Amino acid sequence: QGEQLLPPGWVQQMTSRQATSPAGDYG
Protein backbone atom coordinates (compact mmCIF):
# COMPACT_ATOMS: atom_id res chain seq x y z
CA GLN A 1 0.00 0.00 0.00
CA GLY A 2 2.69 2.42 -1.06
CA GLU A 3 5.10 1.66 1.78
CA GLN A 4 8.32 -0.33 1.41
CA LEU A 5 7.98 -2.71 4.37
CA LEU A 6 10.96 -4.89 3.46
CA PRO A 7 14.41 -3.60 2.53
CA PRO A 8 14.87 -3.17 -1.24
CA GLY A 9 16.26 -6.36 -2.72
CA TRP A 10 15.42 -8.56 0.26
CA VAL A 11 12.58 -10.45 -1.44
CA GLN A 12 14.85 -11.20 -4.40
CA GLN A 13 17.53 -12.42 -2.00
CA MET A 14 15.13 -14.67 -0.06
CA THR A 15 13.67 -16.17 -3.22
CA SER A 16 16.82 -16.61 -5.31
CA ARG A 17 18.86 -19.80 -5.31
CA GLN A 18 21.21 -19.76 -2.36
CA ALA A 19 21.73 -23.52 -2.16
CA THR A 20 20.98 -26.75 -3.98
CA SER A 21 19.36 -29.52 -1.99
CA PRO A 22 18.13 -33.07 -2.65
CA ALA A 23 14.58 -31.67 -2.50
CA GLY A 24 15.16 -28.75 -4.86
CA ASP A 25 16.79 -25.36 -5.06
CA TYR A 26 16.59 -23.32 -1.90
CA GLY A 27 16.65 -19.63 -1.01
PDB file of all heavy atoms in Angstrom:
ATOM      1  N   GLN A   1       0.818  -1.208   0.000  1.00  0.00           N
ATOM      2  CA  GLN A   1       0.000   0.000   0.000  1.00  0.00           C
ATOM      3  C   GLN A   1       0.857   1.267   0.000  1.00  0.00           C
ATOM      4  O   GLN A   1       0.645   2.195   0.776  1.00  0.00           O
ATOM      5  CB  GLN A   1      -0.965  -0.020   1.185  1.00  0.00           C
ATOM      6  CG  GLN A   1      -1.958  -1.181   1.106  1.00  0.00           C
ATOM      7  CD  GLN A   1      -2.945  -1.227   2.248  1.00  0.00           C
ATOM      8  OE1 GLN A   1      -2.718  -0.621   3.307  1.00  0.00           O
ATOM      9  NE2 GLN A   1      -4.042  -1.943   2.068  1.00  0.00           N
ATOM     10  N   GLY A   2       1.842   1.248  -0.878  1.00  0.00           N
ATOM     11  CA  GLY A   2       2.687   2.417  -1.064  1.00  0.00           C
ATOM     12  C   GLY A   2       3.868   2.529  -0.128  1.00  0.00           C
ATOM     13  O   GLY A   2       4.695   3.443  -0.273  1.00  0.00           O
ATOM     14  N   GLU A   3       3.986   1.630   0.833  1.00  0.00           N
ATOM     15  CA  GLU A   3       5.102   1.664   1.783  1.00  0.00           C
ATOM     16  C   GLU A   3       6.029   0.476   1.541  1.00  0.00           C
ATOM     17  O   GLU A   3       5.576  -0.647   1.338  1.00  0.00           O
ATOM     18  CB  GLU A   3       4.581   1.615   3.220  1.00  0.00           C
ATOM     19  CG  GLU A   3       5.668   1.705   4.266  1.00  0.00           C
ATOM     20  CD  GLU A   3       5.133   1.642   5.685  1.00  0.00           C
ATOM     21  OE1 GLU A   3       3.899   1.547   5.858  1.00  0.00           O
ATOM     22  OE2 GLU A   3       5.950   1.668   6.623  1.00  0.00           O
ATOM     23  N   GLN A   4       7.339   0.737   1.568  1.00  0.00           N
ATOM     24  CA  GLN A   4       8.321  -0.334   1.411  1.00  0.00           C
ATOM     25  C   GLN A   4       8.567  -0.953   2.779  1.00  0.00           C
ATOM     26  O   GLN A   4       9.358  -0.445   3.585  1.00  0.00           O
ATOM     27  CB  GLN A   4       9.626   0.220   0.819  1.00  0.00           C
ATOM     28  CG  GLN A   4      10.632  -0.855   0.444  1.00  0.00           C
ATOM     29  CD  GLN A   4      10.236  -1.642  -0.796  1.00  0.00           C
ATOM     30  OE1 GLN A   4       9.673  -1.095  -1.741  1.00  0.00           O
ATOM     31  NE2 GLN A   4      10.521  -2.929  -0.795  1.00  0.00           N
ATOM     32  N   LEU A   5       7.865  -2.079   3.056  1.00  0.00           N
ATOM     33  CA  LEU A   5       7.981  -2.712   4.369  1.00  0.00           C
ATOM     34  C   LEU A   5       9.262  -3.514   4.509  1.00  0.00           C
ATOM     35  O   LEU A   5       9.801  -3.632   5.614  1.00  0.00           O
ATOM     36  CB  LEU A   5       6.784  -3.637   4.618  1.00  0.00           C
ATOM     37  CG  LEU A   5       5.394  -3.013   4.646  1.00  0.00           C
ATOM     38  CD1 LEU A   5       4.372  -4.033   5.136  1.00  0.00           C
ATOM     39  CD2 LEU A   5       5.360  -1.772   5.517  1.00  0.00           C
ATOM     40  N   LEU A   6       9.734  -4.094   3.425  1.00  0.00           N
ATOM     41  CA  LEU A   6      10.958  -4.893   3.456  1.00  0.00           C
ATOM     42  C   LEU A   6      12.074  -4.134   2.757  1.00  0.00           C
ATOM     43  O   LEU A   6      11.826  -3.386   1.798  1.00  0.00           O
ATOM     44  CB  LEU A   6      10.733  -6.237   2.772  1.00  0.00           C
ATOM     45  CG  LEU A   6       9.562  -7.083   3.290  1.00  0.00           C
ATOM     46  CD1 LEU A   6       9.514  -8.425   2.574  1.00  0.00           C
ATOM     47  CD2 LEU A   6       9.643  -7.267   4.794  1.00  0.00           C
ATOM     48  N   PRO A   7      13.307  -4.314   3.182  1.00  0.00           N
ATOM     49  CA  PRO A   7      14.411  -3.604   2.530  1.00  0.00           C
ATOM     50  C   PRO A   7      14.459  -3.903   1.038  1.00  0.00           C
ATOM     51  O   PRO A   7      14.202  -5.049   0.625  1.00  0.00           O
ATOM     52  CB  PRO A   7      15.651  -4.158   3.242  1.00  0.00           C
ATOM     53  CG  PRO A   7      15.149  -4.653   4.546  1.00  0.00           C
ATOM     54  CD  PRO A   7      13.765  -5.154   4.300  1.00  0.00           C
ATOM     55  N   PRO A   8      14.770  -2.919   0.207  1.00  0.00           N
ATOM     56  CA  PRO A   8      14.871  -3.171  -1.236  1.00  0.00           C
ATOM     57  C   PRO A   8      15.843  -4.311  -1.521  1.00  0.00           C
ATOM     58  O   PRO A   8      16.947  -4.369  -0.970  1.00  0.00           O
ATOM     59  CB  PRO A   8      15.395  -1.840  -1.781  1.00  0.00           C
ATOM     60  CG  PRO A   8      14.940  -0.818  -0.781  1.00  0.00           C
ATOM     61  CD  PRO A   8      14.994  -1.509   0.543  1.00  0.00           C
ATOM     62  N   GLY A   9      15.425  -5.232  -2.345  1.00  0.00           N
ATOM     63  CA  GLY A   9      16.260  -6.358  -2.724  1.00  0.00           C
ATOM     64  C   GLY A   9      16.121  -7.577  -1.830  1.00  0.00           C
ATOM     65  O   GLY A   9      16.597  -8.659  -2.196  1.00  0.00           O
ATOM     66  N   TRP A  10      15.462  -7.432  -0.662  1.00  0.00           N
ATOM     67  CA  TRP A  10      15.421  -8.559   0.263  1.00  0.00           C
ATOM     68  C   TRP A  10      14.550  -9.706  -0.260  1.00  0.00           C
ATOM     69  O   TRP A  10      14.898 -10.872  -0.104  1.00  0.00           O
ATOM     70  CB  TRP A  10      14.942  -8.121   1.646  1.00  0.00           C
ATOM     71  CG  TRP A  10      14.993  -9.228   2.658  1.00  0.00           C
ATOM     72  CD1 TRP A  10      13.939  -9.843   3.275  1.00  0.00           C
ATOM     73  CD2 TRP A  10      16.168  -9.890   3.151  1.00  0.00           C
ATOM     74  NE1 TRP A  10      14.382 -10.830   4.131  1.00  0.00           N
ATOM     75  CE2 TRP A  10      15.749 -10.885   4.068  1.00  0.00           C
ATOM     76  CE3 TRP A  10      17.542  -9.734   2.907  1.00  0.00           C
ATOM     77  CZ2 TRP A  10      16.651 -11.714   4.741  1.00  0.00           C
ATOM     78  CZ3 TRP A  10      18.436 -10.572   3.581  1.00  0.00           C
ATOM     79  CH2 TRP A  10      17.999 -11.541   4.483  1.00  0.00           C
ATOM     80  N   VAL A  11      13.420  -9.384  -0.888  1.00  0.00           N
ATOM     81  CA  VAL A  11      12.577 -10.454  -1.440  1.00  0.00           C
ATOM     82  C   VAL A  11      13.346 -11.234  -2.503  1.00  0.00           C
ATOM     83  O   VAL A  11      13.316 -12.469  -2.535  1.00  0.00           O
ATOM     84  CB  VAL A  11      11.259  -9.899  -2.006  1.00  0.00           C
ATOM     85  CG1 VAL A  11      10.492 -10.992  -2.768  1.00  0.00           C
ATOM     86  CG2 VAL A  11      10.388  -9.340  -0.890  1.00  0.00           C
ATOM     87  N   GLN A  12      14.054 -10.502  -3.381  1.00  0.00           N
ATOM     88  CA  GLN A  12      14.854 -11.199  -4.402  1.00  0.00           C
ATOM     89  C   GLN A  12      15.903 -12.090  -3.763  1.00  0.00           C
ATOM     90  O   GLN A  12      16.168 -13.203  -4.246  1.00  0.00           O
ATOM     91  CB  GLN A  12      15.520 -10.172  -5.338  1.00  0.00           C
ATOM     92  CG  GLN A  12      14.533  -9.352  -6.175  1.00  0.00           C
ATOM     93  CD  GLN A  12      14.213  -8.015  -5.551  1.00  0.00           C
ATOM     94  OE1 GLN A  12      14.029  -7.903  -4.321  1.00  0.00           O
ATOM     95  NE2 GLN A  12      14.149  -6.992  -6.372  1.00  0.00           N
ATOM     96  N   GLN A  13      16.497 -11.627  -2.662  1.00  0.00           N
ATOM     97  CA  GLN A  13      17.531 -12.417  -1.996  1.00  0.00           C
ATOM     98  C   GLN A  13      16.929 -13.670  -1.360  1.00  0.00           C
ATOM     99  O   GLN A  13      17.499 -14.769  -1.457  1.00  0.00           O
ATOM    100  CB  GLN A  13      18.222 -11.556  -0.935  1.00  0.00           C
ATOM    101  CG  GLN A  13      19.609 -12.034  -0.559  1.00  0.00           C
ATOM    102  CD  GLN A  13      20.410 -10.954   0.159  1.00  0.00           C
ATOM    103  OE1 GLN A  13      20.002  -9.787   0.204  1.00  0.00           O
ATOM    104  NE2 GLN A  13      21.544 -11.321   0.717  1.00  0.00           N
ATOM    105  N   MET A  14      15.780 -13.523  -0.695  1.00  0.00           N
ATOM    106  CA  MET A  14      15.131 -14.674  -0.061  1.00  0.00           C
ATOM    107  C   MET A  14      14.712 -15.717  -1.073  1.00  0.00           C
ATOM    108  O   MET A  14      14.732 -16.915  -0.785  1.00  0.00           O
ATOM    109  CB  MET A  14      13.869 -14.229   0.703  1.00  0.00           C
ATOM    110  CG  MET A  14      14.094 -13.461   1.969  1.00  0.00           C
ATOM    111  SD  MET A  14      12.552 -13.323   2.944  1.00  0.00           S
ATOM    112  CE  MET A  14      11.453 -12.480   1.790  1.00  0.00           C
ATOM    113  N   THR A  15      14.309 -15.274  -2.258  1.00  0.00           N
ATOM    114  CA  THR A  15      13.669 -16.173  -3.218  1.00  0.00           C
ATOM    115  C   THR A  15      14.558 -16.482  -4.421  1.00  0.00           C
ATOM    116  O   THR A  15      14.066 -16.990  -5.430  1.00  0.00           O
ATOM    117  CB  THR A  15      12.330 -15.577  -3.687  1.00  0.00           C
ATOM    118  OG1 THR A  15      12.558 -14.310  -4.334  1.00  0.00           O
ATOM    119  CG2 THR A  15      11.389 -15.365  -2.509  1.00  0.00           C
ATOM    120  N   SER A  16      15.839 -16.205  -4.302  1.00  0.00           N
ATOM    121  CA  SER A  16      16.822 -16.613  -5.306  1.00  0.00           C
ATOM    122  C   SER A  16      17.551 -17.847  -4.805  1.00  0.00           C
ATOM    123  O   SER A  16      17.594 -18.121  -3.598  1.00  0.00           O
ATOM    124  CB  SER A  16      17.837 -15.497  -5.565  1.00  0.00           C
ATOM    125  OG  SER A  16      17.209 -14.361  -6.104  1.00  0.00           O
ATOM    126  N   ARG A  17      18.149 -18.583  -5.711  1.00  0.00           N
ATOM    127  CA  ARG A  17      18.856 -19.797  -5.311  1.00  0.00           C
ATOM    128  C   ARG A  17      20.086 -19.456  -4.489  1.00  0.00           C
ATOM    129  O   ARG A  17      21.012 -18.824  -4.954  1.00  0.00           O
ATOM    130  CB  ARG A  17      19.266 -20.617  -6.541  1.00  0.00           C
ATOM    131  CG  ARG A  17      19.865 -21.968  -6.151  1.00  0.00           C
ATOM    132  CD  ARG A  17      20.225 -22.793  -7.364  1.00  0.00           C
ATOM    133  NE  ARG A  17      21.361 -22.201  -8.070  1.00  0.00           N
ATOM    134  CZ  ARG A  17      21.890 -22.686  -9.186  1.00  0.00           C
ATOM    135  NH1 ARG A  17      21.362 -23.767  -9.745  1.00  0.00           N
ATOM    136  NH2 ARG A  17      22.916 -22.101  -9.763  1.00  0.00           N
ATOM    137  N   GLN A  18      20.074 -19.911  -3.259  1.00  0.00           N
ATOM    138  CA  GLN A  18      21.214 -19.759  -2.360  1.00  0.00           C
ATOM    139  C   GLN A  18      21.897 -21.090  -2.090  1.00  0.00           C
ATOM    140  O   GLN A  18      23.034 -21.117  -1.612  1.00  0.00           O
ATOM    141  CB  GLN A  18      20.762 -19.131  -1.037  1.00  0.00           C
ATOM    142  CG  GLN A  18      20.033 -17.808  -1.164  1.00  0.00           C
ATOM    143  CD  GLN A  18      20.933 -16.684  -1.651  1.00  0.00           C
ATOM    144  OE1 GLN A  18      22.153 -16.794  -1.675  1.00  0.00           O
ATOM    145  NE2 GLN A  18      20.320 -15.570  -2.047  1.00  0.00           N
ATOM    146  N   ALA A  19      21.183 -22.179  -2.397  1.00  0.00           N
ATOM    147  CA  ALA A  19      21.730 -23.521  -2.159  1.00  0.00           C
ATOM    148  C   ALA A  19      20.980 -24.507  -3.038  1.00  0.00           C
ATOM    149  O   ALA A  19      19.853 -24.252  -3.476  1.00  0.00           O
ATOM    150  CB  ALA A  19      21.595 -23.918  -0.693  1.00  0.00           C
ATOM    151  N   THR A  20      21.618 -25.636  -3.287  1.00  0.00           N
ATOM    152  CA  THR A  20      20.981 -26.746  -3.982  1.00  0.00           C
ATOM    153  C   THR A  20      20.831 -27.896  -2.998  1.00  0.00           C
ATOM    154  O   THR A  20      21.778 -28.249  -2.297  1.00  0.00           O
ATOM    155  CB  THR A  20      21.814 -27.196  -5.190  1.00  0.00           C
ATOM    156  OG1 THR A  20      21.932 -26.093  -6.100  1.00  0.00           O
ATOM    157  CG2 THR A  20      21.150 -28.355  -5.902  1.00  0.00           C
ATOM    158  N   SER A  21      19.636 -28.452  -2.942  1.00  0.00           N
ATOM    159  CA  SER A  21      19.364 -29.521  -1.988  1.00  0.00           C
ATOM    160  C   SER A  21      18.793 -30.730  -2.708  1.00  0.00           C
ATOM    161  O   SER A  21      18.358 -30.627  -3.862  1.00  0.00           O
ATOM    162  CB  SER A  21      18.359 -29.036  -0.936  1.00  0.00           C
ATOM    163  OG  SER A  21      17.033 -29.229  -1.390  1.00  0.00           O
ATOM    164  N   PRO A  22      18.746 -31.883  -2.038  1.00  0.00           N
ATOM    165  CA  PRO A  22      18.127 -33.067  -2.650  1.00  0.00           C
ATOM    166  C   PRO A  22      16.650 -32.869  -2.974  1.00  0.00           C
ATOM    167  O   PRO A  22      16.099 -33.572  -3.820  1.00  0.00           O
ATOM    168  CB  PRO A  22      18.311 -34.151  -1.578  1.00  0.00           C
ATOM    169  CG  PRO A  22      19.449 -33.683  -0.738  1.00  0.00           C
ATOM    170  CD  PRO A  22      19.366 -32.198  -0.733  1.00  0.00           C
ATOM    171  N   ALA A  23      16.008 -31.917  -2.284  1.00  0.00           N
ATOM    172  CA  ALA A  23      14.578 -31.674  -2.499  1.00  0.00           C
ATOM    173  C   ALA A  23      14.302 -30.488  -3.411  1.00  0.00           C
ATOM    174  O   ALA A  23      13.148 -30.125  -3.612  1.00  0.00           O
ATOM    175  CB  ALA A  23      13.888 -31.460  -1.159  1.00  0.00           C
ATOM    176  N   GLY A  24      15.355 -29.880  -3.958  1.00  0.00           N
ATOM    177  CA  GLY A  24      15.158 -28.751  -4.863  1.00  0.00           C
ATOM    178  C   GLY A  24      16.009 -27.562  -4.481  1.00  0.00           C
ATOM    179  O   GLY A  24      16.639 -27.531  -3.413  1.00  0.00           O
ATOM    180  N   ASP A  25      16.031 -26.567  -5.351  1.00  0.00           N
ATOM    181  CA  ASP A  25      16.788 -25.356  -5.061  1.00  0.00           C
ATOM    182  C   ASP A  25      16.153 -24.603  -3.899  1.00  0.00           C
ATOM    183  O   ASP A  25      14.935 -24.630  -3.691  1.00  0.00           O
ATOM    184  CB  ASP A  25      16.840 -24.461  -6.303  1.00  0.00           C
ATOM    185  CG  ASP A  25      17.734 -25.042  -7.383  1.00  0.00           C
ATOM    186  OD1 ASP A  25      18.563 -25.923  -7.070  1.00  0.00           O
ATOM    187  OD2 ASP A  25      17.612 -24.618  -8.551  1.00  0.00           O
ATOM    188  N   TYR A  26      17.015 -23.909  -3.163  1.00  0.00           N
ATOM    189  CA  TYR A  26      16.589 -23.316  -1.897  1.00  0.00           C
ATOM    190  C   TYR A  26      17.096 -21.898  -1.785  1.00  0.00           C
ATOM    191  O   TYR A  26      18.234 -21.592  -2.157  1.00  0.00           O
ATOM    192  CB  TYR A  26      17.136 -24.166  -0.744  1.00  0.00           C
ATOM    193  CG  TYR A  26      16.402 -24.015   0.562  1.00  0.00           C
ATOM    194  CD1 TYR A  26      15.116 -24.501   0.721  1.00  0.00           C
ATOM    195  CD2 TYR A  26      17.014 -23.394   1.648  1.00  0.00           C
ATOM    196  CE1 TYR A  26      14.450 -24.389   1.940  1.00  0.00           C
ATOM    197  CE2 TYR A  26      16.363 -23.276   2.866  1.00  0.00           C
ATOM    198  CZ  TYR A  26      15.078 -23.769   3.001  1.00  0.00           C
ATOM    199  OH  TYR A  26      14.420 -23.656   4.208  1.00  0.00           O
ATOM    200  N   GLY A  27      16.250 -21.002  -1.271  1.00  0.00           N
ATOM    201  CA  GLY A  27      16.647 -19.628  -1.007  1.00  0.00           C
ATOM    202  C   GLY A  27      16.915 -19.432   0.465  1.00  0.00           C
ATOM    203  O   GLY A  27      17.620 -20.212   1.104  1.00  0.00           O
TER     204      GLY A  27
END
